[in-house]
Amino acid sequence: MEKRIVIGDAVPNMPWEEKPAGSGEIIWRYSKNPIIPRNLLPSSNSIFNSAVVPFNGKFAGVFRCDDKAREMNLHRGFSEDGINWQIDPEPIPFICEDPEIKYTHGYDPRVVFLEDRYYITWCNVYEKAPTIGVAYTFDFEKFYQLENAFLPFNRNGVLFPRRINGKYAMLSRPSDNGHTPFGDIYYSESPDMIHWGHHRLVMRTTRGWQETKIGAGPIPIETTEGWLMIYHGVLTSCNGFVYSFGAALLDLEEPWRVLHRSKQYLLSPQELYECVGDVPNVVFPCAALCDAPTGRIAIYYGAADTVTAVAFTTAEGLLDFVKNN
């Protein structure tokens, strides 16, 4: 790259595989996918839709592990290289002073380093309804649960990696209590990570692969041109939902303003491990590692609600794709 376009830190040891010779794709899958099988833990039915971050020169993460009783839980994990993971067989014991909101089950986490700690957001089960749970950790040993961000029903809570105009900022998708047949992306702000307001519509569904519902994916990547947001979109086919993902570019200071948005998807379920599983035809991104000096990006995504996979791209390639498509 001739100029640095990503605003952030170096992650020189992040996983990376060069694009296959002759490929014209913007995103390419890791040749040894899936990186986490469904049965990595003795108790697990599936491990997918999980989030990872750089941690102490290595990597840590929060993983969705559905067990053989088909209960959804969050587990911590660690890796030397971002590919081979050791996941704690016991769910995270969140520390919470309020029994009213205390974690019981959860799914689809995101993790971000923000200021001096790692924040975790996830789809928290509160009174049998989905909402956005929030917690933080300094060391991936103790996890402190805060108030739920929003009323039920809501999903896909994704924090920005810095304050915007002095406020914490989050994307989410208001929904319902079922397998939601609708959903748009909204923006919210908070002065203290407890009280949330200034809700603004970011973008609605549109035709094709994103016609039924959309939701923010990994933590947005700050670039010189705007926030690069990778998001999933859902098509309702004659055989059910099909989850793909694309990208959009949001204004740096007013992230509810969409500057560009991809008409075509970046990745759709096409490989066997993406098409066959507990929920067929799903690619669902929840995390992205980005090395700012090179612009290299590794996207972690759940495949068929069963296993975890990774794909690679560059910030320069994504920006060009979004602006030109």
Protein backbone atom coordinates (compact mmCIF):
# COMPACT_ATOMS: atom_id res chain seq x y z
CA MET A 1 0.00 0.00 0.00
CA GLU A 2 1.29 3.50 -0.84
CA LYS A 3 -0.36 5.21 2.12
CA ARG A 4 -1.72 4.17 5.48
CA ILE A 5 -5.50 4.30 5.48
CA VAL A 6 -6.35 2.42 8.70
CA ILE A 7 -6.29 4.37 11.96
CA GLY A 8 -5.28 1.91 14.65
CA ASP A 9 -2.61 -0.39 16.01
CA ALA A 10 -0.27 -2.88 14.42
CA VAL A 11 -1.09 -6.57 14.74
CA PRO A 12 1.98 -8.03 13.02
CA ASN A 13 1.36 -11.59 14.22
CA MET A 14 -2.25 -11.82 13.07
CA PRO A 15 -3.17 -14.82 10.93
CA TRP A 16 -2.71 -14.26 7.23
CA GLU A 17 -2.75 -16.24 3.99
CA GLU A 18 -2.03 -14.70 0.62
CA LYS A 19 -4.77 -14.55 -1.98
CA PRO A 20 -4.76 -17.64 -4.24
CA ALA A 21 -3.01 -17.06 -7.52
CA GLY A 22 -5.41 -15.92 -10.23
CA SER A 23 -8.22 -15.09 -7.79
CA GLY A 24 -10.19 -11.93 -8.45
CA GLU A 25 -12.13 -12.09 -5.18
CA ILE A 26 -12.04 -9.24 -2.67
CA ILE A 27 -12.28 -11.73 0.22
CA TRP A 28 -10.71 -15.18 0.21
CA ARG A 29 -11.27 -18.04 2.64
CA TYR A 30 -8.53 -19.65 4.73
CA SER A 31 -7.50 -22.85 2.98
CA LYS A 32 -7.80 -24.89 6.20
CA ASN A 33 -11.29 -23.76 7.22
CA PRO A 34 -13.06 -24.32 9.50
CA ILE A 35 -10.55 -23.34 12.19
CA ILE A 36 -12.79 -24.35 15.12
CA PRO A 37 -14.81 -27.56 14.78
CA ARG A 38 -18.18 -27.98 16.43
CA ASN A 39 -16.85 -30.55 18.92
CA LEU A 40 -13.67 -28.83 20.15
CA LEU A 41 -15.10 -29.13 23.68
CA PRO A 42 -16.43 -32.46 25.00
CA SER A 43 -19.71 -30.71 25.85
CA SER A 44 -20.16 -28.67 22.68
CA ASN A 45 -22.71 -29.23 19.96
CA SER A 46 -21.39 -26.24 18.00
CA ILE A 47 -18.97 -23.30 18.31
CA PHE A 48 -19.67 -20.31 16.07
CA ASN A 49 -20.50 -16.56 15.91
CA SER A 50 -17.57 -15.66 18.18
CA ALA A 51 -15.27 -12.66 18.72
CA VAL A 52 -11.48 -12.39 19.07
CA VAL A 53 -9.01 -9.57 19.85
CA PRO A 54 -5.24 -9.13 20.20
CA PHE A 55 -4.22 -9.72 23.83
CA ASN A 56 -0.75 -9.56 25.41
CA GLY A 57 0.98 -10.19 22.11
CA LYS A 58 -1.27 -13.15 21.41
CA PHE A 59 -5.04 -13.48 21.07
CA ALA A 60 -8.07 -13.91 23.32
CA GLY A 61 -11.75 -14.22 22.60
CA VAL A 62 -15.30 -14.86 23.72
CA PHE A 63 -16.94 -17.80 22.01
CA ARG A 64 -20.51 -18.92 21.49
CA CYS A 65 -20.59 -22.56 22.53
CA ASP A 66 -23.97 -24.29 22.29
CA ASP A 67 -23.82 -27.42 24.44
CA LYS A 68 -25.39 -30.83 23.98
CA ALA A 69 -28.43 -29.72 25.96
CA ARG A 70 -28.66 -27.02 23.20
CA GLU A 71 -28.17 -24.22 25.72
CA MET A 72 -26.33 -21.12 24.45
CA ASN A 73 -23.37 -19.93 26.51
CA LEU A 74 -20.30 -17.71 26.30
CA HIS A 75 -16.84 -19.15 26.93
CA ARG A 76 -13.41 -17.48 26.96
CA GLY A 77 -10.54 -18.76 24.83
CA PHE A 78 -6.89 -18.10 24.04
CA SER A 79 -4.61 -18.61 21.05
CA GLU A 80 -0.96 -18.16 20.16
CA ASP A 81 -1.63 -17.59 16.46
CA GLY A 82 -5.32 -16.72 16.07
CA ILE A 83 -5.98 -20.05 14.34
CA ASN A 84 -5.51 -22.77 16.96
CA TRP A 85 -7.68 -22.11 20.01
CA GLN A 86 -7.94 -23.42 23.55
CA ILE A 87 -11.44 -22.71 24.85
CA ASP A 88 -12.39 -22.93 28.52
CA PRO A 89 -14.90 -25.79 28.89
CA GLU A 90 -16.82 -23.81 31.54
CA PRO A 91 -18.99 -20.79 30.66
CA ILE A 92 -17.78 -17.35 31.75
CA PRO A 93 -18.91 -16.68 35.36
CA PHE A 94 -19.95 -13.05 34.96
CA ILE A 95 -19.72 -10.97 38.15
CA CYS A 96 -22.98 -9.06 38.56
CA GLU A 97 -24.32 -7.26 41.63
CA ASP A 98 -27.90 -7.15 40.36
CA PRO A 99 -29.66 -10.55 40.29
CA GLU A 100 -32.37 -9.03 38.10
CA ILE A 101 -30.10 -8.97 35.05
CA LYS A 102 -27.52 -11.61 36.00
CA TYR A 103 -26.33 -13.62 33.01
CA THR A 104 -27.96 -17.00 32.46
CA HIS A 105 -27.47 -17.63 28.74
CA GLY A 106 -26.16 -15.60 25.83
CA TYR A 107 -24.99 -15.71 22.25
CA ASP A 108 -23.28 -13.90 19.35
CA PRO A 109 -20.65 -11.88 21.30
CA ARG A 110 -18.47 -9.01 20.13
CA VAL A 111 -15.30 -7.84 21.89
CA VAL A 112 -13.48 -4.49 21.66
CA PHE A 113 -10.58 -2.86 23.47
CA LEU A 114 -11.83 0.57 24.48
CA GLU A 115 -9.77 3.03 26.53
CA ASP A 116 -8.39 0.80 29.31
CA ARG A 117 -10.38 -2.44 29.15
CA TYR A 118 -12.05 -4.99 26.92
CA TYR A 119 -15.82 -4.64 26.54
CA ILE A 120 -18.01 -7.57 25.62
CA THR A 121 -21.46 -7.13 24.13
CA TRP A 122 -23.73 -10.05 23.38
CA CYS A 123 -27.33 -11.07 22.89
CA ASN A 124 -28.33 -11.48 26.53
CA VAL A 125 -31.34 -13.57 27.49
CA TYR A 126 -33.43 -11.43 29.86
CA GLU A 127 -36.86 -12.71 30.92
CA LYS A 128 -36.78 -15.12 27.97
CA ALA A 129 -36.24 -12.24 25.57
CA PRO A 130 -33.13 -11.05 23.67
CA THR A 131 -31.45 -7.76 24.52
CA ILE A 132 -27.89 -6.36 24.49
CA GLY A 133 -25.77 -7.45 27.45
CA VAL A 134 -22.63 -5.47 28.31
CA ALA A 135 -19.62 -6.48 30.41
CA TYR A 136 -15.93 -5.67 30.70
CA THR A 137 -12.70 -7.39 31.63
CA PHE A 138 -9.11 -6.29 32.08
CA ASP A 139 -7.51 -9.72 31.88
CA PHE A 140 -10.01 -12.28 30.51
CA GLU A 141 -10.02 -13.78 34.00
CA LYS A 142 -12.75 -11.75 35.70
CA PHE A 143 -15.73 -10.41 33.76
CA TYR A 144 -17.94 -7.66 35.24
CA GLN A 145 -21.48 -7.39 33.91
CA LEU A 146 -23.10 -3.96 33.52
CA GLU A 147 -26.70 -3.02 32.87
CA ASN A 148 -28.33 -4.28 29.70
CA ALA A 149 -27.97 -1.54 27.09
CA PHE A 150 -31.51 -1.60 25.70
CA LEU A 151 -35.01 -2.91 26.27
CA PRO A 152 -35.91 -6.23 24.67
CA PHE A 153 -36.03 -6.97 21.84
CA ASN A 154 -32.62 -6.23 20.36
CA ARG A 155 -29.65 -8.03 18.81
CA ASN A 156 -26.23 -7.41 17.25
CA GLY A 157 -24.90 -4.84 19.71
CA VAL A 158 -21.55 -3.64 18.33
CA LEU A 159 -19.46 -0.97 20.08
CA PHE A 160 -17.20 1.47 18.27
CA PRO A 161 -13.52 1.28 19.35
CA ARG A 162 -13.42 4.88 20.60
CA ARG A 163 -15.74 7.55 21.88
CA ILE A 164 -17.40 9.70 19.22
CA ASN A 165 -17.92 13.34 20.18
CA GLY A 166 -17.20 12.36 23.78
CA LYS A 167 -19.81 9.57 23.91
CA TYR A 168 -19.62 5.80 23.78
CA ALA A 169 -21.28 4.59 20.60
CA MET A 170 -23.02 1.35 19.63
CA LEU A 171 -24.78 -0.17 16.63
CA SER A 172 -27.73 -2.51 17.16
CA ARG A 173 -30.73 -4.08 15.48
CA PRO A 174 -34.12 -3.77 17.23
CA SER A 175 -36.03 -6.98 16.62
CA ASP A 176 -38.66 -9.28 18.09
CA ASN A 177 -38.70 -12.43 20.20
CA GLY A 178 -38.65 -14.93 17.34
CA HIS A 179 -36.38 -15.80 14.44
CA THR A 180 -36.75 -12.19 13.37
CA PRO A 181 -38.15 -11.73 9.83
CA PHE A 182 -37.13 -8.03 9.79
CA GLY A 183 -34.44 -5.67 11.06
CA ASP A 184 -32.48 -2.49 10.31
CA ILE A 185 -29.26 -1.08 11.79
CA TYR A 186 -29.46 1.76 14.36
CA TYR A 187 -26.89 3.92 16.16
CA SER A 188 -27.00 4.90 19.87
CA GLU A 189 -24.80 6.94 22.24
CA SER A 190 -24.04 6.81 25.97
CA PRO A 191 -22.12 9.05 28.39
CA ASP A 192 -21.36 6.19 30.79
CA MET A 193 -21.99 2.81 29.09
CA ILE A 194 -25.20 2.56 31.16
CA HIS A 195 -27.68 5.11 29.81
CA TRP A 196 -28.22 4.96 26.05
CA GLY A 197 -29.98 7.46 23.78
CA HIS A 198 -29.58 9.67 20.69
CA HIS A 199 -30.90 6.74 18.64
CA ARG A 200 -30.51 7.21 14.90
CA LEU A 201 -31.30 5.04 11.90
CA VAL A 202 -28.15 4.00 10.04
CA MET A 203 -29.57 1.98 7.17
CA ARG A 204 -32.50 -0.19 6.19
CA THR A 205 -32.79 -3.42 4.27
CA THR A 206 -32.76 -3.25 0.50
CA ARG A 207 -33.08 -5.64 -2.41
CA GLY A 208 -31.32 -8.95 -2.99
CA TRP A 209 -29.02 -10.58 -0.44
CA GLN A 210 -29.98 -7.99 2.23
CA GLU A 211 -33.72 -7.76 1.67
CA THR A 212 -35.04 -9.37 4.90
CA LYS A 213 -32.80 -8.02 7.68
CA ILE A 214 -29.33 -6.61 8.27
CA GLY A 215 -27.08 -6.35 11.31
CA ALA A 216 -23.66 -4.96 12.20
CA GLY A 217 -20.89 -7.57 12.37
CA PRO A 218 -17.34 -6.97 13.66
CA ILE A 219 -16.19 -3.84 15.49
CA PRO A 220 -16.08 -1.03 12.88
CA ILE A 221 -12.61 -0.29 11.49
CA GLU A 222 -11.56 3.36 11.54
CA THR A 223 -10.04 4.57 8.27
CA THR A 224 -9.07 7.95 6.87
CA GLU A 225 -12.24 7.82 4.75
CA GLY A 226 -14.75 6.76 7.42
CA TRP A 227 -15.82 3.83 9.57
CA LEU A 228 -15.59 0.58 7.62
CA MET A 229 -18.52 -1.53 8.81
CA ILE A 230 -18.81 -5.17 7.81
CA TYR A 231 -22.41 -6.31 8.19
CA HIS A 232 -24.56 -9.34 7.52
CA GLY A 233 -27.62 -9.39 5.33
CA VAL A 234 -30.38 -11.95 4.97
CA LEU A 235 -32.30 -13.11 1.91
CA THR A 236 -35.52 -15.09 2.30
CA SER A 237 -35.35 -17.88 -0.25
CA CYS A 238 -37.85 -20.65 -1.02
CA ASN A 239 -35.70 -22.81 1.29
CA GLY A 240 -35.43 -20.35 4.19
CA PHE A 241 -33.01 -17.63 5.26
CA VAL A 242 -29.62 -17.15 3.53
CA TYR A 243 -27.02 -15.13 5.48
CA SER A 244 -24.27 -13.32 3.53
CA PHE A 245 -22.13 -10.32 4.38
CA GLY A 246 -21.07 -7.06 2.80
CA ALA A 247 -19.62 -3.71 3.91
CA ALA A 248 -20.50 -0.05 4.23
CA LEU A 249 -18.58 3.16 4.89
CA LEU A 250 -19.96 5.44 7.64
CA ASP A 251 -19.10 9.06 8.43
CA LEU A 252 -16.43 9.36 11.13
CA GLU A 253 -18.21 11.94 13.30
CA GLU A 254 -21.83 11.12 12.41
CA PRO A 255 -21.78 7.33 11.92
CA TRP A 256 -25.51 7.21 11.17
CA ARG A 257 -24.64 8.86 7.84
CA VAL A 258 -23.88 6.19 5.23
CA LEU A 259 -21.31 7.34 2.66
CA HIS A 260 -21.15 4.12 0.61
CA ARG A 261 -22.74 0.68 0.80
CA SER A 262 -22.01 -2.48 -1.16
CA LYS A 263 -24.73 -3.61 -3.55
CA GLN A 264 -23.09 -7.00 -4.02
CA TYR A 265 -22.22 -9.30 -1.13
CA LEU A 266 -18.60 -9.89 -0.20
CA LEU A 267 -19.07 -13.48 0.99
CA SER A 268 -22.04 -15.82 0.75
CA PRO A 269 -22.51 -19.43 1.91
CA GLN A 270 -20.95 -21.55 -0.84
CA GLU A 271 -18.56 -23.98 0.85
CA LEU A 272 -19.88 -27.22 2.35
CA TYR A 273 -19.21 -26.11 5.94
CA GLU A 274 -21.21 -22.91 5.27
CA CYS A 275 -24.14 -24.64 3.58
CA VAL A 276 -24.54 -27.74 5.76
CA GLY A 277 -24.96 -27.62 9.53
CA ASP A 278 -27.48 -26.89 12.26
CA VAL A 279 -28.69 -23.85 10.30
CA PRO A 280 -27.78 -24.19 6.62
CA ASN A 281 -26.64 -21.38 4.35
CA VAL A 282 -25.10 -19.00 6.91
CA VAL A 283 -21.94 -16.89 7.03
CA PHE A 284 -22.13 -14.58 10.07
CA PRO A 285 -19.15 -12.28 10.84
CA CYS A 286 -18.50 -11.26 14.45
CA ALA A 287 -14.84 -10.19 14.57
CA ALA A 288 -12.09 -8.70 12.42
CA LEU A 289 -8.40 -8.36 13.21
CA CYS A 290 -6.74 -5.51 11.34
CA ASP A 291 -3.04 -4.67 11.06
CA ALA A 292 -3.09 -0.91 10.55
CA PRO A 293 0.31 -0.48 8.84
CA THR A 294 -0.47 -3.02 6.10
CA GLY A 295 -4.29 -2.84 6.10
CA ARG A 296 -4.52 -6.62 6.28
CA ILE A 297 -7.81 -7.89 7.72
CA ALA A 298 -8.79 -11.34 9.04
CA ILE A 299 -12.57 -11.77 9.40
CA TYR A 300 -13.88 -14.43 11.80
CA TYR A 301 -17.31 -15.77 10.97
CA GLY A 302 -19.73 -18.47 12.02
CA ALA A 303 -20.58 -21.01 9.34
CA ALA A 304 -23.96 -22.77 9.22
CA ASP A 305 -24.41 -21.97 12.96
CA THR A 306 -22.03 -24.87 13.57
CA VAL A 307 -18.32 -24.06 13.17
CA THR A 308 -15.98 -21.04 13.06
CA ALA A 309 -14.07 -20.00 9.95
CA VAL A 310 -11.83 -17.13 8.86
CA ALA A 311 -11.39 -15.18 5.63
CA PHE A 312 -8.89 -12.54 4.54
CA THR A 313 -9.00 -9.21 2.77
CA THR A 314 -7.43 -5.73 2.91
CA ALA A 315 -8.84 -2.38 3.96
CA GLU A 316 -7.82 -0.89 0.63
CA GLY A 317 -9.62 -3.66 -1.25
CA LEU A 318 -12.77 -3.31 0.86
CA LEU A 319 -12.91 0.46 0.45
CA ASP A 320 -12.48 0.21 -3.30
CA PHE A 321 -15.16 -2.49 -3.49
CA VAL A 322 -17.70 -0.54 -1.42
CA LYS A 323 -17.19 2.69 -3.35
CA ASN A 324 -17.27 1.03 -6.77
CA ASN A 325 -20.15 -1.41 -6.14
